[in-house]
Amino acid sequence: MKRIIASALLLLIMGGAKAQQSFLENQKLFPRVGVAYREREEALKSEFAKKGLTYPAKYIYVRSFKLDSEMEVWVKNSVTDTFRLFKSYRVCSLSGKMGPKRKEGDRQVPEGFYYINDFNPNSNYHLSHGHQLP
């Protein structure tokens, strides 16, 4: 389940805005990223079509609810559009406890707004990502 969620997020995030094209091309040079991209892209396109959404989404908002162990992925293709729910996922496990992330290594799930700036193709958790505050 984690692998499917990570792959779907990878495609959603990397398939987005044209400004990220160099990010996509750079990340696809890693074999694990390329495989995840090839394995999931057609299924993701199909899910978008079934919901009347345009693939790839240019704007992606991931909303996570720690207490409910649920994550939502919202998408839109224009600044003036309203975000539409693409998919909800059950989260299998969480680390840490309720409350904000205070420092690296505290095992807390980050809260707030972040930009995804890379994927770790050598992660023990399929394709973890690096992020930074806006």
N, C-alpha and C. Protein backbone atom coordinates (compact mmCIF):
# COMPACT_ATOMS: atom_id res chain seq x y z
N MET A 1 0.83 -1.20 0.00
CA MET A 1 0.00 0.00 0.00
C MET A 1 0.88 1.26 0.00
N LYS A 2 1.91 1.29 0.86
CA LYS A 2 2.80 2.45 0.88
C LYS A 2 3.44 2.68 -0.48
N ARG A 3 3.82 1.56 -1.14
CA ARG A 3 4.47 1.66 -2.45
C ARG A 3 3.53 2.28 -3.47
N ILE A 4 2.25 1.90 -3.46
CA ILE A 4 1.28 2.44 -4.41
C ILE A 4 1.05 3.92 -4.14
N ILE A 5 0.91 4.29 -2.87
CA ILE A 5 0.71 5.71 -2.53
C ILE A 5 1.93 6.52 -2.94
N ALA A 6 3.12 6.02 -2.61
CA ALA A 6 4.34 6.75 -2.97
C ALA A 6 4.45 6.91 -4.47
N SER A 7 4.13 5.85 -5.23
CA SER A 7 4.20 5.93 -6.69
C SER A 7 3.20 6.92 -7.24
N ALA A 8 1.98 6.90 -6.71
CA ALA A 8 0.95 7.82 -7.17
C ALA A 8 1.35 9.26 -6.87
N LEU A 9 1.86 9.50 -5.68
CA LEU A 9 2.31 10.86 -5.33
C LEU A 9 3.45 11.30 -6.22
N LEU A 10 4.37 10.39 -6.47
CA LEU A 10 5.49 10.69 -7.36
C LEU A 10 4.98 11.17 -8.70
N LEU A 11 4.05 10.44 -9.29
CA LEU A 11 3.53 10.82 -10.60
C LEU A 11 2.76 12.12 -10.55
N LEU A 12 1.95 12.30 -9.53
CA LEU A 12 1.18 13.53 -9.41
C LEU A 12 2.09 14.74 -9.29
N ILE A 13 3.07 14.62 -8.43
CA ILE A 13 3.96 15.76 -8.19
C ILE A 13 4.87 16.00 -9.38
N MET A 14 5.43 14.91 -9.94
CA MET A 14 6.36 15.08 -11.04
C MET A 14 5.64 15.36 -12.36
N GLY A 15 4.39 15.01 -12.46
CA GLY A 15 3.67 15.23 -13.71
C GLY A 15 3.11 16.63 -13.81
N GLY A 16 3.32 17.47 -12.82
CA GLY A 16 2.72 18.78 -12.72
C GLY A 16 3.30 19.83 -13.64
N ALA A 17 3.42 21.03 -13.14
CA ALA A 17 3.74 22.24 -13.90
C ALA A 17 4.96 22.08 -14.80
N LYS A 18 4.94 22.79 -15.92
CA LYS A 18 6.05 22.75 -16.87
C LYS A 18 7.36 23.17 -16.24
N ALA A 19 7.32 24.06 -15.27
CA ALA A 19 8.54 24.52 -14.60
C ALA A 19 9.24 23.36 -13.92
N GLN A 20 8.52 22.29 -13.65
CA GLN A 20 9.12 21.14 -13.00
C GLN A 20 9.62 20.10 -13.99
N GLN A 21 9.57 20.39 -15.27
CA GLN A 21 9.99 19.41 -16.26
C GLN A 21 11.42 18.95 -16.03
N SER A 22 12.35 19.86 -15.72
CA SER A 22 13.72 19.45 -15.48
C SER A 22 13.81 18.58 -14.22
N PHE A 23 12.96 18.84 -13.23
CA PHE A 23 12.90 18.01 -12.03
C PHE A 23 12.49 16.59 -12.43
N LEU A 24 11.45 16.47 -13.21
CA LEU A 24 10.97 15.18 -13.68
C LEU A 24 12.06 14.43 -14.43
N GLU A 25 12.65 15.08 -15.40
CA GLU A 25 13.67 14.42 -16.21
C GLU A 25 14.86 13.99 -15.36
N ASN A 26 15.26 14.83 -14.42
CA ASN A 26 16.38 14.49 -13.53
C ASN A 26 16.03 13.29 -12.66
N GLN A 27 14.85 13.28 -12.08
CA GLN A 27 14.46 12.19 -11.18
C GLN A 27 14.29 10.87 -11.94
N LYS A 28 13.83 10.92 -13.18
CA LYS A 28 13.63 9.70 -13.97
C LYS A 28 14.95 9.03 -14.34
N LEU A 29 16.07 9.71 -14.16
CA LEU A 29 17.37 9.10 -14.42
C LEU A 29 17.70 8.00 -13.40
N PHE A 30 17.05 8.05 -12.23
CA PHE A 30 17.26 7.01 -11.23
C PHE A 30 16.39 5.81 -11.59
N PRO A 31 16.96 4.61 -11.65
CA PRO A 31 16.19 3.44 -12.08
C PRO A 31 14.88 3.22 -11.31
N ARG A 32 14.89 3.33 -9.99
CA ARG A 32 13.68 3.07 -9.21
C ARG A 32 12.59 4.10 -9.51
N VAL A 33 12.99 5.32 -9.74
CA VAL A 33 12.01 6.36 -10.07
C VAL A 33 11.42 6.07 -11.45
N GLY A 34 12.27 5.74 -12.41
CA GLY A 34 11.80 5.42 -13.76
C GLY A 34 10.84 4.26 -13.78
N VAL A 35 11.14 3.21 -13.02
CA VAL A 35 10.26 2.05 -12.93
C VAL A 35 8.91 2.43 -12.33
N ALA A 36 8.93 3.18 -11.22
CA ALA A 36 7.67 3.60 -10.58
C ALA A 36 6.85 4.43 -11.56
N TYR A 37 7.50 5.30 -12.29
CA TYR A 37 6.80 6.15 -13.25
C TYR A 37 6.14 5.30 -14.34
N ARG A 38 6.90 4.37 -14.91
CA ARG A 38 6.36 3.53 -15.99
C ARG A 38 5.25 2.60 -15.49
N GLU A 39 5.40 2.07 -14.27
CA GLU A 39 4.41 1.11 -13.74
C GLU A 39 3.07 1.76 -13.41
N ARG A 40 3.06 3.01 -13.02
CA ARG A 40 1.84 3.62 -12.49
C ARG A 40 1.19 4.66 -13.40
N GLU A 41 1.89 5.14 -14.40
CA GLU A 41 1.36 6.26 -15.16
C GLU A 41 0.03 5.95 -15.85
N GLU A 42 -0.10 4.82 -16.51
CA GLU A 42 -1.35 4.51 -17.23
C GLU A 42 -2.53 4.38 -16.26
N ALA A 43 -2.30 3.72 -15.13
CA ALA A 43 -3.38 3.57 -14.13
C ALA A 43 -3.80 4.93 -13.60
N LEU A 44 -2.84 5.81 -13.39
CA LEU A 44 -3.13 7.14 -12.87
C LEU A 44 -3.91 7.95 -13.91
N LYS A 45 -3.52 7.88 -15.15
CA LYS A 45 -4.25 8.57 -16.22
C LYS A 45 -5.70 8.09 -16.27
N SER A 46 -5.89 6.78 -16.13
CA SER A 46 -7.23 6.19 -16.15
C SER A 46 -8.06 6.69 -14.97
N GLU A 47 -7.47 6.75 -13.77
CA GLU A 47 -8.20 7.24 -12.60
C GLU A 47 -8.59 8.70 -12.76
N PHE A 48 -7.71 9.51 -13.34
CA PHE A 48 -8.03 10.91 -13.60
C PHE A 48 -9.21 11.01 -14.55
N ALA A 49 -9.16 10.23 -15.64
CA ALA A 49 -10.23 10.27 -16.65
C ALA A 49 -11.58 9.88 -16.04
N LYS A 50 -11.60 8.84 -15.21
CA LYS A 50 -12.85 8.39 -14.57
C LYS A 50 -13.47 9.48 -13.71
N LYS A 51 -12.64 10.36 -13.16
CA LYS A 51 -13.15 11.42 -12.30
C LYS A 51 -13.32 12.74 -13.04
N GLY A 52 -13.10 12.73 -14.35
CA GLY A 52 -13.27 13.94 -15.15
C GLY A 52 -12.19 14.97 -14.89
N LEU A 53 -11.00 14.51 -14.50
CA LEU A 53 -9.88 15.41 -14.19
C LEU A 53 -8.85 15.34 -15.30
N THR A 54 -8.13 16.43 -15.50
CA THR A 54 -7.09 16.48 -16.52
C THR A 54 -5.76 16.03 -15.93
N TYR A 55 -5.11 15.07 -16.61
CA TYR A 55 -3.79 14.59 -16.22
C TYR A 55 -2.76 15.16 -17.17
N PRO A 56 -1.63 15.62 -16.67
CA PRO A 56 -1.24 15.69 -15.28
C PRO A 56 -1.78 16.96 -14.62
N ALA A 57 -1.99 16.88 -13.33
CA ALA A 57 -2.43 18.06 -12.59
C ALA A 57 -1.26 19.03 -12.45
N LYS A 58 -1.54 20.30 -12.61
CA LYS A 58 -0.48 21.31 -12.47
C LYS A 58 -0.31 21.77 -11.03
N TYR A 59 -1.38 21.65 -10.25
CA TYR A 59 -1.32 22.05 -8.84
C TYR A 59 -1.83 20.89 -8.00
N ILE A 60 -1.08 20.51 -7.01
CA ILE A 60 -1.41 19.38 -6.17
C ILE A 60 -1.34 19.78 -4.71
N TYR A 61 -2.35 19.40 -3.98
CA TYR A 61 -2.42 19.69 -2.56
C TYR A 61 -2.64 18.36 -1.85
N VAL A 62 -1.74 18.02 -0.95
CA VAL A 62 -1.86 16.78 -0.19
C VAL A 62 -2.23 17.16 1.23
N ARG A 63 -3.33 16.64 1.69
CA ARG A 63 -3.83 16.96 3.03
C ARG A 63 -3.85 15.67 3.84
N SER A 64 -3.22 15.71 5.00
CA SER A 64 -3.11 14.52 5.83
C SER A 64 -3.77 14.76 7.18
N PHE A 65 -4.48 13.75 7.64
CA PHE A 65 -5.13 13.81 8.94
C PHE A 65 -4.52 12.74 9.83
N LYS A 66 -3.64 13.16 10.74
CA LYS A 66 -2.94 12.21 11.59
C LYS A 66 -3.91 11.40 12.44
N LEU A 67 -4.81 12.08 13.11
CA LEU A 67 -5.72 11.41 14.04
C LEU A 67 -6.57 10.36 13.33
N ASP A 68 -7.01 10.64 12.11
CA ASP A 68 -7.86 9.72 11.36
C ASP A 68 -7.07 8.75 10.47
N SER A 69 -5.73 8.89 10.46
CA SER A 69 -4.87 8.05 9.60
C SER A 69 -5.36 8.05 8.15
N GLU A 70 -5.56 9.25 7.62
CA GLU A 70 -6.05 9.39 6.26
C GLU A 70 -5.28 10.50 5.55
N MET A 71 -5.12 10.32 4.26
CA MET A 71 -4.45 11.31 3.43
C MET A 71 -5.30 11.55 2.18
N GLU A 72 -5.44 12.81 1.81
CA GLU A 72 -6.21 13.18 0.61
C GLU A 72 -5.29 13.87 -0.39
N VAL A 73 -5.55 13.63 -1.66
CA VAL A 73 -4.83 14.29 -2.73
C VAL A 73 -5.84 15.10 -3.53
N TRP A 74 -5.64 16.42 -3.58
CA TRP A 74 -6.50 17.35 -4.30
C TRP A 74 -5.72 17.91 -5.48
N VAL A 75 -6.39 18.17 -6.61
CA VAL A 75 -5.71 18.64 -7.81
C VAL A 75 -6.49 19.76 -8.49
N LYS A 76 -5.76 20.55 -9.26
CA LYS A 76 -6.37 21.53 -10.17
C LYS A 76 -5.35 21.86 -11.24
N ASN A 77 -5.79 22.53 -12.31
CA ASN A 77 -4.89 22.84 -13.43
C ASN A 77 -4.73 24.31 -13.72
N SER A 78 -5.39 25.15 -12.94
CA SER A 78 -5.28 26.59 -13.14
C SER A 78 -5.34 27.26 -11.77
N VAL A 79 -4.67 28.39 -11.65
CA VAL A 79 -4.68 29.13 -10.40
C VAL A 79 -6.10 29.51 -10.01
N THR A 80 -6.94 29.77 -11.00
CA THR A 80 -8.31 30.20 -10.71
C THR A 80 -9.28 29.04 -10.47
N ASP A 81 -8.86 27.81 -10.78
CA ASP A 81 -9.71 26.65 -10.52
C ASP A 81 -9.84 26.40 -9.02
N THR A 82 -10.84 25.64 -8.68
CA THR A 82 -11.00 25.16 -7.30
C THR A 82 -10.38 23.76 -7.23
N PHE A 83 -9.66 23.47 -6.16
CA PHE A 83 -9.11 22.14 -5.99
C PHE A 83 -10.24 21.12 -5.95
N ARG A 84 -10.03 19.97 -6.60
CA ARG A 84 -11.00 18.87 -6.57
C ARG A 84 -10.32 17.64 -5.97
N LEU A 85 -11.05 16.91 -5.17
CA LEU A 85 -10.50 15.71 -4.54
C LEU A 85 -10.24 14.65 -5.60
N PHE A 86 -9.00 14.22 -5.68
CA PHE A 86 -8.64 13.14 -6.60
C PHE A 86 -8.80 11.78 -5.91
N LYS A 87 -8.23 11.65 -4.70
CA LYS A 87 -8.26 10.35 -4.05
C LYS A 87 -7.96 10.49 -2.57
N SER A 88 -8.53 9.58 -1.79
CA SER A 88 -8.24 9.47 -0.35
C SER A 88 -7.55 8.14 -0.11
N TYR A 89 -6.59 8.15 0.78
CA TYR A 89 -5.85 6.94 1.13
C TYR A 89 -5.89 6.73 2.63
N ARG A 90 -5.99 5.49 3.06
CA ARG A 90 -5.80 5.15 4.46
C ARG A 90 -4.30 5.07 4.69
N VAL A 91 -3.83 5.63 5.78
CA VAL A 91 -2.42 5.57 6.12
C VAL A 91 -2.21 4.37 7.02
N CYS A 92 -1.31 3.48 6.63
CA CYS A 92 -1.11 2.23 7.35
C CYS A 92 -0.44 2.42 8.70
N SER A 93 0.52 3.32 8.77
CA SER A 93 1.21 3.54 10.04
C SER A 93 1.80 4.94 10.06
N LEU A 94 1.96 5.44 11.25
CA LEU A 94 2.55 6.76 11.47
C LEU A 94 3.65 6.63 12.50
N SER A 95 4.59 7.54 12.46
CA SER A 95 5.61 7.56 13.49
C SER A 95 5.35 8.74 14.42
N GLY A 96 5.97 8.72 15.58
CA GLY A 96 5.83 9.84 16.51
C GLY A 96 4.47 9.85 17.17
N LYS A 97 4.08 11.04 17.64
CA LYS A 97 2.80 11.20 18.31
C LYS A 97 2.12 12.45 17.76
N MET A 98 0.93 12.74 18.23
CA MET A 98 0.23 13.92 17.75
C MET A 98 1.05 15.17 18.10
N GLY A 99 1.07 16.12 17.18
CA GLY A 99 1.81 17.35 17.40
C GLY A 99 2.77 17.62 16.26
N PRO A 100 3.36 18.81 16.22
CA PRO A 100 4.20 19.23 15.09
C PRO A 100 5.59 18.61 15.10
N LYS A 101 6.22 18.61 13.95
CA LYS A 101 7.61 18.20 13.81
C LYS A 101 8.46 19.38 14.26
N ARG A 102 9.40 19.13 15.15
CA ARG A 102 10.24 20.20 15.70
C ARG A 102 11.67 20.15 15.18
N LYS A 103 12.18 18.96 14.88
CA LYS A 103 13.55 18.84 14.38
C LYS A 103 13.71 17.53 13.63
N GLU A 104 14.73 17.46 12.79
CA GLU A 104 15.00 16.24 12.04
C GLU A 104 15.29 15.10 13.01
N GLY A 105 14.70 13.96 12.73
CA GLY A 105 14.94 12.79 13.56
C GLY A 105 13.99 12.63 14.73
N ASP A 106 13.02 13.54 14.91
CA ASP A 106 12.10 13.42 16.04
C ASP A 106 10.95 12.45 15.77
N ARG A 107 10.95 11.81 14.60
CA ARG A 107 9.96 10.81 14.20
C ARG A 107 8.55 11.37 14.04
N GLN A 108 8.42 12.68 14.00
CA GLN A 108 7.11 13.31 13.81
C GLN A 108 6.80 13.46 12.32
N VAL A 109 5.55 13.35 11.98
CA VAL A 109 5.10 13.62 10.61
C VAL A 109 5.03 15.14 10.46
N PRO A 110 5.66 15.71 9.41
CA PRO A 110 5.63 17.17 9.25
C PRO A 110 4.21 17.70 9.08
N GLU A 111 3.97 18.88 9.62
CA GLU A 111 2.70 19.58 9.46
C GLU A 111 3.00 20.90 8.78
N GLY A 112 2.07 21.40 8.01
CA GLY A 112 2.25 22.70 7.38
C GLY A 112 2.37 22.58 5.87
N PHE A 113 2.88 23.63 5.25
CA PHE A 113 3.02 23.70 3.80
C PHE A 113 4.48 23.50 3.42
N TYR A 114 4.72 22.59 2.49
CA TYR A 114 6.07 22.27 2.05
C TYR A 114 6.10 22.15 0.54
N TYR A 115 7.27 22.35 -0.03
CA TYR A 115 7.51 22.09 -1.44
C TYR A 115 8.35 20.83 -1.52
N ILE A 116 7.95 19.91 -2.39
CA ILE A 116 8.74 18.70 -2.58
C ILE A 116 9.85 19.06 -3.56
N ASN A 117 11.09 18.82 -3.13
CA ASN A 117 12.20 19.22 -3.98
C ASN A 117 13.07 18.07 -4.45
N ASP A 118 12.82 16.85 -3.99
CA ASP A 118 13.49 15.69 -4.55
C ASP A 118 12.88 14.41 -4.01
N PHE A 119 13.20 13.31 -4.69
CA PHE A 119 12.80 11.99 -4.23
C PHE A 119 14.08 11.22 -3.93
N ASN A 120 14.02 10.37 -2.93
CA ASN A 120 15.17 9.59 -2.54
C ASN A 120 15.04 8.20 -3.17
N PRO A 121 15.74 7.95 -4.27
CA PRO A 121 15.60 6.67 -4.95
C PRO A 121 16.21 5.50 -4.19
N ASN A 122 16.93 5.78 -3.11
CA ASN A 122 17.55 4.72 -2.31
C ASN A 122 16.85 4.53 -0.97
N SER A 123 15.68 5.09 -0.82
CA SER A 123 14.93 5.03 0.43
C SER A 123 14.50 3.61 0.76
N ASN A 124 14.45 3.30 2.05
CA ASN A 124 13.90 2.02 2.49
C ASN A 124 12.39 2.00 2.33
N TYR A 125 11.79 3.15 2.11
CA TYR A 125 10.33 3.27 2.01
C TYR A 125 9.93 3.62 0.59
N HIS A 126 10.40 2.84 -0.35
CA HIS A 126 10.14 3.00 -1.77
C HIS A 126 10.72 4.31 -2.27
N LEU A 127 9.95 5.38 -2.34
CA LEU A 127 10.48 6.65 -2.81
C LEU A 127 10.09 7.75 -1.82
N SER A 128 10.86 7.87 -0.78
CA SER A 128 10.59 8.96 0.16
C SER A 128 10.96 10.26 -0.53
N HIS A 129 10.57 11.39 0.06
CA HIS A 129 10.88 12.66 -0.58
C HIS A 129 11.52 13.62 0.39
N GLY A 130 12.26 14.56 -0.19
CA GLY A 130 12.80 15.67 0.58
C GLY A 130 11.87 16.85 0.41
N HIS A 131 11.83 17.70 1.39
CA HIS A 131 10.92 18.85 1.30
C HIS A 131 11.54 20.05 2.00
N GLN A 132 11.01 21.20 1.70
CA GLN A 132 11.44 22.43 2.32
C GLN A 132 10.25 23.35 2.52
N LEU A 133 10.37 24.22 3.49
CA LEU A 133 9.32 25.20 3.71
C LEU A 133 9.32 26.18 2.55
N PRO A 134 8.17 26.78 2.24
CA PRO A 134 8.10 27.75 1.14
C PRO A 134 8.94 28.99 1.43
